[in-house]
């Protein structure tokens, strides 16, 4: 995927994390965005789902600038910790990360993908095919909404049914 960096075309490369050094870059981006910038959490490094998840890093000119995580639970794929460093937003980095995540979810034969989107990012996820479910809720004071993308027709219908009955009142 190519983006306009202002001077010339720059290439965004998204890769699955495979080394401790790459995982440290993931944590640095999470800390930058979710701890320092948004104050969403005090700790973005010790999520128990990290060990069973697939992590992605987006690079621009060799520099790690974005990240996201995919956790596959049989038919359901969950997306979390999608973040782009502030200077690199609005240039396609988040979209590149999400495309890589969705491709991997399809490879894993998930029927649907679910995520908790910050309300300011709803349109971003809608453009990728996600739809909102239920009502807005707050996480650390930031409004969020559950969103789902059916990768199969049955998966879309099942996700709507499942998330309309969950304990969050959605």
Protein backbone atom coordinates (compact mmCIF):
# COMPACT_ATOMS: atom_id res chain seq x y z
CA UNK A 1 0.00 0.00 0.00
CA UNK A 2 1.34 3.44 -0.90
CA UNK A 3 0.71 6.69 0.92
CA UNK A 4 1.60 10.28 0.23
CA UNK A 5 4.13 11.33 2.86
CA UNK A 6 4.08 14.95 1.71
CA UNK A 7 7.31 14.78 -0.25
CA UNK A 8 7.17 11.55 -2.21
CA UNK A 9 5.34 8.26 -2.18
CA UNK A 10 6.16 6.13 0.87
CA UNK A 11 5.33 2.47 1.26
CA UNK A 12 3.49 1.08 4.27
CA UNK A 13 4.51 -2.47 5.09
CA UNK A 14 2.49 -4.48 7.61
CA UNK A 15 3.98 -7.63 9.08
CA UNK A 16 3.04 -10.11 11.75
CA UNK A 17 5.19 -9.76 14.84
CA UNK A 18 7.68 -12.58 15.25
CA UNK A 19 10.44 -11.32 17.55
CA UNK A 20 10.69 -9.85 21.07
CA UNK A 21 12.10 -6.65 19.54
CA UNK A 22 9.03 -6.28 17.32
CA UNK A 23 6.78 -6.93 20.31
CA UNK A 24 8.57 -4.16 22.17
CA UNK A 25 7.69 -1.81 19.28
CA UNK A 26 4.05 -2.88 19.68
CA UNK A 27 4.20 -2.03 23.38
CA UNK A 28 5.86 1.33 22.70
CA UNK A 29 3.09 2.33 20.28
CA UNK A 30 0.39 1.15 22.71
CA UNK A 31 2.02 3.11 25.53
CA UNK A 32 2.30 6.22 23.37
CA UNK A 33 -1.34 6.13 22.23
CA UNK A 34 -3.37 4.43 24.95
CA UNK A 35 -1.41 5.35 28.09
CA UNK A 36 0.13 8.78 27.43
CA UNK A 37 -2.09 10.34 24.76
CA UNK A 38 -5.55 8.99 25.64
CA UNK A 39 -5.08 7.91 29.27
CA UNK A 40 -7.27 4.91 28.45
CA UNK A 41 -5.21 2.62 30.67
CA UNK A 42 -2.20 2.74 32.95
CA UNK A 43 -0.79 -0.44 31.48
CA UNK A 44 -0.89 -1.42 27.82
CA UNK A 45 1.80 -4.08 28.15
CA UNK A 46 0.27 -6.88 30.19
CA UNK A 47 -2.90 -8.00 28.48
CA UNK A 48 -3.49 -11.72 29.16
CA UNK A 49 -4.79 -12.23 25.60
CA UNK A 50 -1.47 -11.10 24.09
CA UNK A 51 0.08 -14.55 24.41
CA UNK A 52 -2.60 -16.25 22.30
CA UNK A 53 -2.97 -13.46 19.77
CA UNK A 54 -1.41 -12.44 16.48
CA UNK A 55 0.19 -9.00 16.56
CA UNK A 56 0.80 -6.74 13.58
CA UNK A 57 3.23 -3.87 13.04
CA UNK A 58 2.97 -1.27 10.30
CA UNK A 59 6.23 0.23 9.08
CA UNK A 60 6.70 3.41 7.10
CA UNK A 61 10.15 3.76 5.59
CA UNK A 62 11.32 1.09 8.03
CA UNK A 63 9.98 2.86 11.13
CA UNK A 64 7.25 1.15 13.24
CA UNK A 65 4.26 3.52 13.19
CA UNK A 66 1.13 1.42 13.81
CA UNK A 67 -0.08 -1.78 15.39
CA UNK A 68 -3.10 -4.00 15.96
CA UNK A 69 -3.95 -7.38 17.44
CA UNK A 70 -6.07 -10.30 16.29
CA UNK A 71 -7.34 -13.01 18.63
CA UNK A 72 -9.11 -15.92 16.98
CA UNK A 73 -11.58 -17.90 19.10
CA UNK A 74 -12.90 -20.63 16.80
CA UNK A 75 -15.46 -18.82 14.60
CA UNK A 76 -14.98 -15.40 16.21
CA UNK A 77 -12.04 -13.11 15.57
CA UNK A 78 -11.47 -10.21 17.95
CA UNK A 79 -9.55 -7.07 17.06
CA UNK A 80 -7.95 -4.94 19.75
CA UNK A 81 -5.19 -2.41 20.40
CA UNK A 82 -5.33 -0.81 16.95
CA UNK A 83 -3.15 2.30 17.20
CA UNK A 84 -1.22 4.63 14.94
CA UNK A 85 1.37 7.12 16.16
CA UNK A 86 -0.08 10.62 15.95
CA UNK A 87 2.15 12.03 13.16
CA UNK A 88 1.21 9.12 10.87
CA UNK A 89 -2.59 9.26 11.18
CA UNK A 90 -4.79 10.04 8.18
CA UNK A 91 -2.23 8.50 5.81
CA UNK A 92 -3.58 4.97 5.46
CA UNK A 93 -1.55 3.28 8.19
CA UNK A 94 -4.59 2.19 10.23
CA UNK A 95 -6.31 0.94 7.10
CA UNK A 96 -3.23 -1.08 6.14
CA UNK A 97 -3.12 -2.65 9.62
CA UNK A 98 -6.81 -3.52 9.48
CA UNK A 99 -6.57 -5.02 5.99
CA UNK A 100 -3.75 -7.30 7.19
CA UNK A 101 -5.77 -8.27 10.27
CA UNK A 102 -8.89 -9.03 8.23
CA UNK A 103 -6.91 -11.09 5.71
CA UNK A 104 -5.47 -13.17 8.55
CA UNK A 105 -8.95 -13.58 10.12
CA UNK A 106 -10.16 -14.97 6.78
CA UNK A 107 -7.12 -17.26 6.60
CA UNK A 108 -8.05 -18.53 10.07
CA UNK A 109 -11.58 -19.22 8.74
CA UNK A 110 -13.29 -16.93 11.23
CA UNK A 111 -16.95 -16.28 10.43
CA UNK A 112 -17.00 -12.78 11.89
CA UNK A 113 -14.78 -10.12 13.42
CA UNK A 114 -15.76 -8.06 16.45
CA UNK A 115 -14.14 -5.01 18.03
CA UNK A 116 -14.83 -2.20 20.48
CA UNK A 117 -14.37 0.98 18.46
CA UNK A 118 -13.75 4.36 19.96
CA UNK A 119 -16.66 6.50 18.81
CA UNK A 120 -14.45 8.93 16.89
CA UNK A 121 -13.28 5.96 14.75
CA UNK A 122 -16.71 4.53 13.87
CA UNK A 123 -16.66 5.88 10.32
CA UNK A 124 -13.16 4.45 9.76
CA UNK A 125 -14.43 0.97 10.63
CA UNK A 126 -17.67 1.43 8.67
CA UNK A 127 -15.60 2.09 5.54
CA UNK A 128 -14.01 -1.33 6.13
CA UNK A 129 -17.46 -2.95 6.25
CA UNK A 130 -18.09 -3.07 10.00
CA UNK A 131 -21.50 -2.24 11.42
CA UNK A 132 -22.35 -0.97 14.88
CA UNK A 133 -24.31 -3.04 17.35
CA UNK A 134 -26.04 -1.87 20.48
CA UNK A 135 -25.47 1.30 22.39
CA UNK A 136 -22.45 3.43 23.08
CA UNK A 137 -20.58 2.63 26.30
CA UNK A 138 -17.62 4.22 28.05
CA UNK A 139 -14.26 2.67 28.70
CA UNK A 140 -11.99 4.86 30.86
CA UNK A 141 -14.25 7.80 30.01
CA UNK A 142 -13.87 7.33 26.23
CA UNK A 143 -17.06 6.47 24.30
CA UNK A 144 -16.94 3.14 22.46
CA UNK A 145 -19.30 0.96 20.49
CA UNK A 146 -19.24 -2.71 19.56
CA UNK A 147 -18.80 -3.27 15.84
CA UNK A 148 -18.95 -6.47 13.82
CA UNK A 149 -17.97 -7.55 10.33
CA UNK A 150 -19.39 -10.76 8.95
CA UNK A 151 -16.81 -12.64 6.93
CA UNK A 152 -19.53 -15.10 5.96
CA UNK A 153 -23.29 -14.57 5.70
CA UNK A 154 -23.90 -17.02 8.55
CA UNK A 155 -21.20 -15.33 10.60
CA UNK A 156 -22.80 -11.90 10.19
CA UNK A 157 -26.20 -13.21 11.28
CA UNK A 158 -24.74 -15.20 14.18
CA UNK A 159 -22.74 -12.21 15.43
CA UNK A 160 -25.80 -9.96 15.36
CA UNK A 161 -27.76 -12.53 17.37
CA UNK A 162 -24.95 -13.18 19.85
CA UNK A 163 -24.15 -9.55 20.54
CA UNK A 164 -27.78 -8.54 20.81
CA UNK A 165 -28.08 -10.93 23.79
CA UNK A 166 -24.85 -10.26 25.64
CA UNK A 167 -24.63 -9.04 29.22
CA UNK A 168 -23.59 -5.52 28.21
CA UNK A 169 -27.14 -4.70 27.16
CA UNK A 170 -26.19 -4.28 23.53
